[in-house]
Protein backbone atom coordinates (compact mmCIF):
# COMPACT_ATOMS: atom_id res chain seq x y z
CA MET A 1 111.03 24.90 64.41
CA LYS A 2 112.24 28.58 65.50
CA ILE A 3 115.73 29.61 66.68
CA PRO A 4 115.99 30.66 70.48
CA SER A 5 116.37 34.18 70.43
CA HIS A 6 119.62 34.02 72.50
CA LEU A 7 121.23 32.76 70.28
CA LEU A 8 120.16 36.17 67.86
CA LYS A 9 122.38 38.33 70.20
CA LYS A 10 124.91 39.18 67.50
CA GLU A 11 122.57 39.39 64.76
CA GLN A 12 120.05 41.38 66.36
CA LEU A 13 122.47 43.96 66.95
CA ALA A 14 124.14 43.65 63.92
CA VAL A 15 120.44 44.66 62.81
CA SER A 16 120.68 47.72 64.75
CA VAL A 17 124.06 48.54 63.64
CA GLY A 18 123.18 48.38 59.46
CA LEU A 19 120.27 50.22 60.16
CA THR A 20 121.61 52.79 62.28
CA LEU A 21 124.34 53.32 58.85
CA LEU A 22 122.21 52.54 55.96
CA PRO A 23 121.09 55.73 54.54
CA PHE A 24 124.61 57.24 55.30
CA ASN A 25 126.33 54.78 53.18
CA ALA A 26 124.79 51.61 51.74
CA VAL A 27 127.90 50.06 51.62
CA ALA A 28 128.62 50.25 55.50
CA GLY A 29 124.96 49.82 56.44
CA LEU A 30 125.00 46.48 54.22
CA LEU A 31 127.86 44.76 55.63
CA PRO A 32 126.17 44.07 59.37
CA LEU A 33 122.90 43.53 57.31
CA LEU A 34 125.07 40.65 55.31
CA PHE A 35 126.10 39.29 58.91
CA ALA A 36 122.89 39.47 60.49
CA SER A 37 121.12 37.34 57.35
CA LEU A 38 124.19 35.13 56.29
CA SER A 39 124.79 33.58 60.27
CA PRO A 40 121.49 32.86 60.41
CA TRP A 41 121.78 30.35 57.53
CA PHE A 42 125.29 28.85 58.42
CA PHE A 43 124.58 27.71 61.74
CA HIS A 44 120.50 27.21 61.05
CA GLY A 45 120.15 27.03 57.82
CA ARG A 46 118.36 23.28 58.03
CA LYS A 47 115.48 25.06 59.88
CA LEU A 48 115.08 28.37 57.96
CA ALA A 49 114.89 25.70 55.01
CA SER A 50 112.14 24.45 56.53
CA LEU A 51 109.84 27.36 56.90
CA PRO A 52 106.72 27.30 54.93
CA LEU A 53 107.37 30.72 53.29
CA ALA A 54 110.92 29.24 51.87
CA LYS A 55 109.16 26.61 49.59
CA VAL A 56 106.70 29.67 48.28
CA TRP A 57 110.51 32.00 47.67
CA ALA A 58 112.51 28.82 46.32
CA ALA A 59 109.33 28.08 43.64
CA LEU A 60 109.80 32.35 42.70
CA THR A 61 112.74 31.83 42.42
CA LEU A 62 112.33 28.48 40.09
CA TRP A 63 109.96 30.52 37.85
CA PHE A 64 112.39 33.79 37.78
CA LEU A 65 114.95 32.35 36.70
CA LEU A 66 113.03 30.28 34.08
CA THR A 67 111.50 33.23 32.43
CA THR A 68 115.47 33.82 32.35
CA ILE A 69 115.97 31.04 29.91
CA THR A 70 112.65 32.27 27.87
CA ALA A 71 113.54 35.98 28.36
CA HIS A 72 114.06 38.54 25.42
CA ASP A 73 116.74 39.86 26.93
CA ARG A 74 118.48 36.96 29.01
CA GLY A 75 121.76 38.94 30.15
CA GLU A 76 118.85 41.52 31.75
CA ALA A 77 117.03 39.02 33.12
CA LEU A 78 118.92 37.90 35.21
CA LEU A 79 120.57 40.75 36.27
CA GLY A 80 116.97 41.30 37.62
CA LEU A 81 117.35 37.66 39.66
CA ALA A 82 119.39 40.77 41.54
CA ASN A 83 117.13 42.41 42.60
CA PHE A 84 114.65 39.26 44.41
CA VAL A 85 116.69 36.38 44.86
CA PRO A 86 118.95 37.50 47.40
CA TYR A 87 116.28 39.66 49.04
CA PHE A 88 114.25 36.33 49.66
CA ILE A 89 117.26 34.83 51.92
CA VAL A 90 117.22 38.12 53.56
CA PHE A 91 113.70 37.45 54.11
CA LEU A 92 113.80 33.88 56.16
CA ALA A 93 116.51 35.26 58.03
CA PHE A 94 115.56 38.26 59.38
CA SER A 95 112.01 37.21 60.31
CA GLN A 96 114.13 34.68 62.88
CA VAL A 97 116.06 37.57 63.92
CA ILE A 98 113.66 40.76 63.92
CA CYS A 99 110.64 38.64 65.91
CA GLN A 100 110.10 40.43 69.08
CA PHE A 101 108.43 43.09 70.34
CA LYS A 102 111.21 45.28 71.84
CA GLN A 103 113.03 44.62 68.62
CA LEU A 104 110.51 46.88 66.58
CA ASN A 105 110.68 49.65 69.43
CA THR A 106 114.26 49.63 69.17
CA LEU A 107 114.55 49.81 65.28
CA ALA A 108 111.97 52.70 65.04
CA TRP A 109 113.84 54.58 67.51
CA LEU A 110 116.86 54.09 65.41
CA LEU A 111 115.40 55.21 62.00
CA THR A 112 113.71 57.99 63.67
CA ALA A 113 116.76 59.85 64.37
CA ASN A 114 119.19 58.80 61.64
CA THR A 115 115.50 60.03 59.33
CA VAL A 116 115.89 63.58 61.22
CA VAL A 117 119.38 63.11 60.71
CA LEU A 118 118.67 63.15 56.51
CA CYS A 119 116.22 65.67 57.23
CA VAL A 120 118.58 68.35 58.15
CA LEU A 121 120.83 66.99 55.47
CA GLY A 122 117.87 68.41 52.90
CA PHE A 123 117.43 70.97 54.40
CA GLY A 124 121.02 72.51 54.09
CA GLN A 125 121.41 71.11 50.88
CA VAL A 126 117.91 72.72 48.82
CA TYR A 127 118.77 75.86 51.42
CA GLY A 128 122.25 76.28 51.53
CA ASN A 129 123.11 74.42 49.08
CA TRP A 130 125.07 72.15 51.16
CA ALA A 131 126.86 68.78 49.18
CA THR A 132 129.40 66.57 50.91
CA PRO A 133 133.19 66.41 49.80
CA ASP A 134 134.45 64.89 47.01
CA TRP A 135 136.08 61.86 49.52
CA LEU A 136 132.85 61.61 51.03
CA ALA A 137 130.76 61.32 47.27
CA ALA A 138 133.88 58.70 46.52
CA ILE A 139 132.65 56.35 49.03
CA GLY A 140 128.72 56.23 48.67
CA THR A 141 127.68 59.09 50.59
CA ASN A 142 126.77 61.92 47.95
CA LEU A 143 124.74 64.76 49.53
CA VAL A 144 123.45 67.34 45.98
CA ALA A 145 123.68 70.74 46.62
CA GLY A 146 120.02 71.75 45.85
CA GLY A 147 118.64 68.22 45.62
CA ARG A 148 118.48 65.63 42.82
CA PRO A 149 116.46 66.77 40.52
CA GLU A 150 117.45 70.72 41.08
CA GLY A 151 114.86 72.08 43.95
CA ARG A 152 113.45 69.25 45.03
CA MET A 153 115.20 67.15 48.55
CA SER A 154 117.12 63.87 48.00
CA SER A 155 119.31 64.82 50.93
CA LEU A 156 121.35 61.44 50.77
CA LEU A 157 119.04 59.25 48.13
CA MET A 158 119.69 58.87 45.03
CA TYR A 159 116.63 61.06 43.57
CA ALA A 160 113.42 63.05 45.74
CA ASN A 161 111.79 59.68 45.12
CA LEU A 162 114.02 58.17 47.20
CA PHE A 163 114.44 60.02 49.48
CA SER A 164 110.41 60.76 50.12
CA ALA A 165 109.64 56.04 49.96
CA TRP A 166 112.39 56.21 52.44
CA LEU A 167 110.30 59.05 54.11
CA LEU A 168 107.01 57.37 54.24
CA MET A 169 108.20 54.65 55.97
CA VAL A 170 109.52 56.07 58.72
CA PHE A 171 106.94 59.17 59.31
CA PRO A 172 104.15 56.54 60.45
CA LEU A 173 107.01 54.52 62.98
CA SER A 174 107.91 58.20 64.78
CA LEU A 175 104.44 58.64 65.33
CA GLY A 176 103.75 55.60 66.02
CA LEU A 177 106.51 55.94 69.00
CA LEU A 178 105.27 59.98 69.11
CA ILE A 179 101.52 58.46 70.23
CA GLN A 180 102.91 56.02 72.48
CA SER A 181 105.55 58.20 74.38
CA VAL A 182 102.09 60.59 75.38
CA ARG A 183 99.97 57.41 76.04
CA ARG A 184 102.79 56.50 78.52
CA TRP A 185 103.00 60.13 79.57
CA HIS A 186 99.74 60.19 80.23
CA TYR A 187 99.60 56.90 82.82
CA THR A 188 102.77 58.21 84.89
CA ALA A 189 102.04 61.96 85.17
CA LEU A 190 98.94 62.00 86.29
CA SER A 191 99.11 64.66 88.46
CA ASN A 192 101.31 67.08 86.17
CA ARG A 193 99.72 66.91 82.50
CA LEU A 194 101.28 70.48 81.77
CA ASN A 195 104.74 69.97 81.21
CA LEU A 196 106.03 67.44 78.08
CA PRO A 197 108.65 65.25 78.84
CA PRO A 198 111.71 65.99 76.13
CA LEU A 199 111.00 62.79 74.88
CA VAL A 200 107.62 63.85 73.49
CA TRP A 201 108.52 67.38 72.28
CA ALA A 202 111.91 65.68 70.11
CA LEU A 203 109.46 62.81 69.23
CA LEU A 204 106.85 65.82 67.59
CA VAL A 205 110.20 67.71 65.90
CA ALA A 206 111.45 64.29 64.71
CA CYS A 207 107.37 64.04 62.85
CA ILE A 208 107.06 67.80 61.63
CA LEU A 209 110.47 67.63 60.07
CA GLU A 210 109.63 64.61 58.22
CA ALA A 211 106.37 65.58 57.22
CA ILE A 212 108.00 69.25 55.79
CA ALA A 213 111.05 67.31 54.21
CA LEU A 214 108.24 64.91 52.51
CA VAL A 215 106.34 67.92 51.00
CA LEU A 216 109.71 69.31 50.12
CA THR A 217 110.66 66.22 47.59
CA GLY A 218 108.05 67.36 45.35
CA SER A 219 106.75 63.23 44.78
CA ARG A 220 102.89 63.86 44.21
CA SER A 221 102.34 60.20 45.34
CA ALA A 222 103.40 60.70 48.25
CA TRP A 223 102.01 63.30 49.49
CA GLY A 224 98.83 61.61 48.66
CA ILE A 225 100.00 58.48 51.20
CA GLY A 226 102.00 60.86 53.48
CA LEU A 227 97.91 62.38 54.14
CA LEU A 228 96.62 58.54 53.75
CA ILE A 229 99.28 58.25 56.87
CA GLY A 230 97.92 61.10 59.03
CA ILE A 231 94.61 59.82 57.74
CA ALA A 232 94.87 56.94 58.59
CA TYR A 233 96.42 58.12 62.67
CA ALA A 234 93.33 60.22 62.94
CA ILE A 235 91.01 57.23 62.65
CA TYR A 236 93.15 54.90 65.13
CA LEU A 237 93.02 58.29 67.96
CA ARG A 238 88.81 59.24 66.73
CA TRP A 239 89.94 62.25 65.59
CA HIS A 240 87.43 63.32 63.48
CA TRP A 241 87.58 66.60 63.39
CA LEU A 242 91.09 66.41 61.55
CA VAL A 243 90.36 63.58 58.95
CA ALA A 244 87.24 66.09 58.08
CA LEU A 245 89.69 68.77 58.04
CA ALA A 246 91.84 66.99 55.20
CA GLY A 247 90.09 65.87 53.37
CA GLY A 248 88.28 70.09 53.48
CA ALA A 249 92.06 71.03 52.77
CA THR A 250 92.55 68.12 50.15
CA ALA A 251 89.42 68.72 48.36
CA MET A 252 90.62 71.95 48.01
CA VAL A 253 93.70 71.65 46.41
CA LEU A 254 92.59 69.17 44.45
CA TRP A 255 89.67 71.85 42.82
CA ALA A 256 92.69 74.33 43.05
CA SER A 257 94.65 71.90 40.31
CA PHE A 258 91.84 70.24 38.11
CA GLY A 259 88.64 71.70 38.36
CA PRO A 260 86.37 72.63 35.80
CA PHE A 261 85.38 76.09 37.25
CA GLY A 262 86.45 78.66 39.67
CA LYS A 263 89.40 77.67 40.39
CA GLU A 264 91.65 80.61 39.67
CA PRO A 265 90.32 82.44 43.32
CA LEU A 266 91.62 78.96 44.84
CA ARG A 267 94.83 79.11 42.71
CA GLN A 268 95.34 82.54 45.98
CA ILE A 269 94.90 80.97 48.55
CA VAL A 270 96.74 76.92 47.16
CA PRO A 271 100.97 77.53 46.81
CA LYS A 272 101.98 76.74 43.34
CA TYR A 273 103.82 74.32 44.53
CA PHE A 274 100.87 72.08 45.02
CA TRP A 275 98.36 72.71 42.41
CA GLY A 276 101.56 73.67 39.87
CA ARG A 277 102.74 70.07 41.07
CA LEU A 278 99.41 68.12 40.62
CA SER A 279 98.68 69.94 37.23
CA ASP A 280 102.22 69.39 35.42
CA GLU A 281 101.82 73.03 35.33
CA LEU A 282 105.29 73.50 36.79
CA TYR A 283 107.06 70.96 34.72
CA PRO A 284 104.55 71.09 30.88
CA ASP A 285 107.20 70.53 28.46
CA ARG A 286 107.31 66.53 29.17
CA TYR A 287 106.95 64.67 26.32
CA THR A 288 104.03 61.48 26.27
CA THR A 289 106.91 58.93 26.56
CA ALA A 290 108.03 60.36 30.13
CA LEU A 291 104.25 59.93 31.28
CA ARG A 292 103.21 57.12 33.40
CA SER A 293 100.23 56.52 31.46
CA THR A 294 102.23 55.50 28.43
CA GLN A 295 104.52 53.33 30.64
CA TRP A 296 101.59 51.72 32.87
CA LYS A 297 99.84 51.09 29.02
CA PHE A 298 103.60 49.43 27.36
CA ALA A 299 103.70 47.03 30.58
CA TRP A 300 100.87 45.48 30.41
CA ASP A 301 100.98 45.30 26.62
CA MET A 302 103.82 43.29 27.79
CA PHE A 303 101.69 41.35 29.98
CA LEU A 304 98.94 41.09 26.63
CA ASP A 305 101.76 39.49 24.50
CA GLN A 306 103.53 37.51 27.05
CA PRO A 307 100.67 36.40 30.21
CA ILE A 308 102.77 33.46 31.27
CA PHE A 309 106.45 33.76 31.64
CA GLY A 310 106.41 37.67 30.87
CA GLN A 311 109.05 39.16 28.95
CA GLY A 312 111.87 38.91 31.69
CA LEU A 313 113.01 40.68 34.41
CA ARG A 314 115.06 43.77 33.41
CA ASN A 315 113.01 43.74 29.83
CA PHE A 316 110.36 47.09 30.32
CA THR A 317 113.74 49.21 30.00
CA PRO A 318 115.62 47.82 26.93
CA LEU A 319 112.54 47.10 24.74
CA TYR A 320 110.91 50.28 25.85
CA GLN A 321 114.16 52.34 24.30
CA ALA A 322 113.26 49.91 21.16
CA ALA A 323 109.58 51.12 20.68
CA MET A 324 109.54 55.08 21.68
CA ASN A 325 113.45 56.16 21.58
CA VAL A 326 114.16 57.21 24.97
CA TRP A 327 115.70 55.79 28.05
CA ILE A 328 113.05 54.50 30.99
CA GLY A 329 114.13 52.40 33.68
CA HIS A 330 111.22 50.92 35.03
CA PRO A 331 107.24 51.33 34.04
CA HIS A 332 106.65 53.20 37.94
CA ASN A 333 104.07 50.62 38.81
CA LEU A 334 105.91 47.79 40.92
CA VAL A 335 102.53 45.24 39.72
CA LEU A 336 102.79 45.79 36.05
CA MET A 337 106.15 45.36 35.90
CA LEU A 338 105.93 42.48 37.21
CA LEU A 339 103.18 40.89 34.61
CA GLY A 340 104.79 42.38 31.99
CA GLU A 341 108.16 40.73 32.61
CA THR A 342 107.20 37.68 35.30
CA GLY A 343 103.62 36.43 33.79
CA LEU A 344 100.70 35.82 35.72
CA ILE A 345 102.48 32.65 37.71
CA GLY A 346 105.46 34.66 39.05
CA THR A 347 103.25 38.04 39.97
CA GLY A 348 100.37 36.10 41.78
CA LEU A 349 102.85 33.67 43.34
CA MET A 350 105.12 37.43 44.80
CA LEU A 351 101.91 38.98 45.47
CA GLY A 352 100.20 35.79 47.30
CA ALA A 353 103.15 35.10 49.25
CA VAL A 354 103.66 39.28 50.23
CA GLY A 355 99.51 39.53 51.48
CA PHE A 356 99.90 35.98 53.36
CA ILE A 357 102.93 37.55 55.53
CA LEU A 358 99.68 40.48 56.02
CA ALA A 359 97.28 38.67 57.18
CA GLN A 360 99.14 37.36 59.32
CA GLY A 361 99.47 40.25 60.82
CA MET A 362 95.99 41.60 60.62
CA VAL A 363 95.31 38.11 62.64
CA LEU A 364 97.61 39.59 65.62
CA LEU A 365 96.74 43.25 65.46
CA ILE A 366 92.67 41.93 65.98
CA HIS A 367 94.34 39.91 68.74
CA LEU A 368 95.80 42.31 69.98
CA SER A 369 93.03 45.37 70.18
CA ARG A 370 91.01 43.15 72.42
CA GLY A 371 93.28 43.00 75.03
CA GLY A 372 93.30 45.70 77.58
CA GLY A 373 96.54 47.71 79.53
CA PHE A 374 99.13 49.90 78.85
CA ARG A 375 101.60 47.25 77.03
CA ARG A 376 99.10 46.14 75.30
CA GLN A 377 98.25 48.71 73.37
CA SER A 378 102.08 49.15 73.01
CA GLN A 379 102.05 46.22 71.15
CA HIS A 380 98.92 46.70 69.21
CA LEU A 381 100.50 50.56 68.18
CA LEU A 382 103.38 49.24 66.67
CA LEU A 383 102.60 46.75 65.31
CA LEU A 384 99.63 48.76 63.69
CA SER A 385 102.77 51.36 62.71
CA TYR A 386 105.10 49.06 61.11
CA GLY A 387 101.75 47.59 59.10
CA ILE A 388 100.91 51.20 57.94
CA ALA A 389 105.04 51.61 56.80
CA PHE A 390 104.92 48.74 54.78
CA ALA A 391 101.51 49.22 53.35
CA ALA A 392 102.30 53.25 52.46
CA LEU A 393 105.47 51.26 50.19
CA CYS A 394 103.32 48.94 48.67
CA LEU A 395 101.12 52.03 47.65
CA TYR A 396 103.93 55.00 46.98
CA ASN A 397 105.09 51.41 44.55
CA LEU A 398 101.85 51.77 42.02
CA PHE A 399 102.96 54.35 41.24
CA ASP A 400 107.33 54.26 41.54
CA VAL A 401 109.41 51.48 41.20
CA THR A 402 111.87 51.17 44.43
CA ILE A 403 113.42 47.83 44.62
CA PHE A 404 116.07 49.26 42.50
CA ASP A 405 117.49 51.28 45.00
CA MET A 406 119.27 49.37 47.76
CA ARG A 407 118.32 51.00 50.71
CA ASN A 408 114.63 51.68 50.71
CA ASN A 409 114.72 47.34 49.20
CA VAL A 410 116.30 46.35 52.18
CA LEU A 411 114.05 47.82 54.07
CA GLY A 412 110.79 47.03 52.50
CA TRP A 413 112.50 43.30 52.91
CA ILE A 414 113.36 44.16 56.70
CA PHE A 415 109.82 45.51 57.60
CA LEU A 416 108.33 42.13 55.90
CA ALA A 417 110.11 40.48 57.80
CA ALA A 418 109.64 41.57 60.74
CA ILE A 419 105.95 41.73 60.43
CA ALA A 420 106.47 38.16 59.82
CA GLY A 421 108.95 36.98 62.38
CA VAL A 422 106.56 39.02 65.24
CA SER A 423 102.82 37.78 63.99
CA GLN A 424 104.42 33.52 63.79
CA ARG A 425 106.19 33.68 67.12
CA TYR A 426 103.29 35.38 69.24
CA GLY A 427 100.14 35.21 66.76
CA THR A 428 99.89 31.41 68.00
CA LYS A 429 99.94 31.99 71.10
CA LEU A 430 97.01 34.85 71.00
CA ALA A 431 95.15 33.09 69.47
CA GLN A 432 95.34 29.59 72.07
CA GLY A 433 94.40 32.49 74.69
CA ASP A 434 97.85 32.19 75.59
CA PRO A 435 99.57 35.66 76.13
CA ALA A 436 102.05 35.65 78.51
CA LYS A 437 105.72 36.54 77.76
CA LEU A 438 104.82 38.58 75.70
CA GLN A 439 107.71 41.24 75.00
CA VAL A 440 106.74 44.99 75.64
CA PRO A 441 108.77 47.48 74.30
CA GLY A 442 111.10 49.80 76.33
C-alpha cells in the first residue's frame, strides 16, 4: 500500500523548503509543510487511511473527543485537540513522503545549516544585545535582546527551553553527519589523512556551536540529555575513555551542586553557572508552586481523580490556577500531563503507538548493523542519529512539554514519521534478506 516515491517529488521538496524556513519564521515554514502533508491526502487519501497506524490515530482521536465531552472545561479541551489531531494527519502523510535514507541525509544537512545560523543569532542576542526590528517581530521573527528569560539564549524561539529542545533534536544529526564525513574521508583519502577537508571542519564547528548554545540556554534537563547524547556516540565509537571522562566530570559537577560535604573546594573549580543552576542557588526565591515536583504531584492527583477519562486536554492550567492561585501552562512532564488530562487509555494508546514505531526502527537498526561496507554503515548511523534525536526529545518531555510550541512539535512529528517511513519501506526487505535497492545517503 506504499505510494510510489516518484509521485511525491514536489512534496519532498516542500518538506525541505519548509524545514529550512521553519526556525526563522513559523508561518513561512508552515506553508510548504502544509502543502507537503495535505497533498498526499488529496491524491492518495485512501492509501493513507488504510495504513495500520491510521487506525491507531483514529482511535486516539475518538478517545480525545470523548475526553473533551467529559472534560472539566470543554472549551479548553477542544482547543487542546489542535496540539495532537492535526499532527496525526501530518504523520501519516510524512511517513510516505520521507521514506528514503537520502531524504534523511538531506534533512539532516538542512537542519544543521539553519541551526548554526540560529546559534550565531543566539550568541549575538546574549553577548551583543541583538534584536530584530519591529517589522520583523510583527511577522513572527523575534530575536529578543539578552535572551528570554534574561541571560539565557533563546535565539528566534520564544523561550530558552524551547530553543534547547530544538538543539537536542538537531545536535545528534550534526554529530552523525560529522562521523559520517570523517569516515568517508578515511575511505577516500587513505594516502593523505593529515589534511581534514573543509566539510569536516565545518561540521566540527557546527557541533561545537550547538553544544555551547545548549549550555547557554541554561536548561538543566537539556544539559543532562546533551551529555547522554555525547555518551551515546562515544559508546557507538567505542571511545570508552571519553565515557569515563564524562562520568568523572559529571560526578564533579553534581558533587559541587549537591554534595553533603567537601563541595566548597569543588565549587572553586566548577563554574558557578553550572552548580548554581543545578542546585537552584541562582534562583533561590522560587515559589513552591513553580517547582516541577509540585506540578507533577498535582497532575498525578488529576489522574487519580479521573483515571479513565482524565480531566480533559489543556485542563491542567485552569485546575492548577484554581487550586494554587498561579498560572502554569503545563505540568512539565508530558506523560503525567496525558495521564491527568486524557486518562490511562489515551496515554496508553499514545505511548503504545510511539513505542511500536521506535521498535520498528530498532529492528531495522539491528538488520543494518549486520551488514558491512561504508554504505550500510552510513545508513545505520543515519537512522541511529534520528533515533537518538527523537529519544532526546522524549526524555526532554519528561521535564518539560514541547507540544505547545509549533516548531518543536512539527519537528518531533517529522522525525517520528521519518523513522516510521524508512522502517516500513526497508524493514521487510532486510528481514527477508533482500537488501537490494537501499537508498544511500549522498
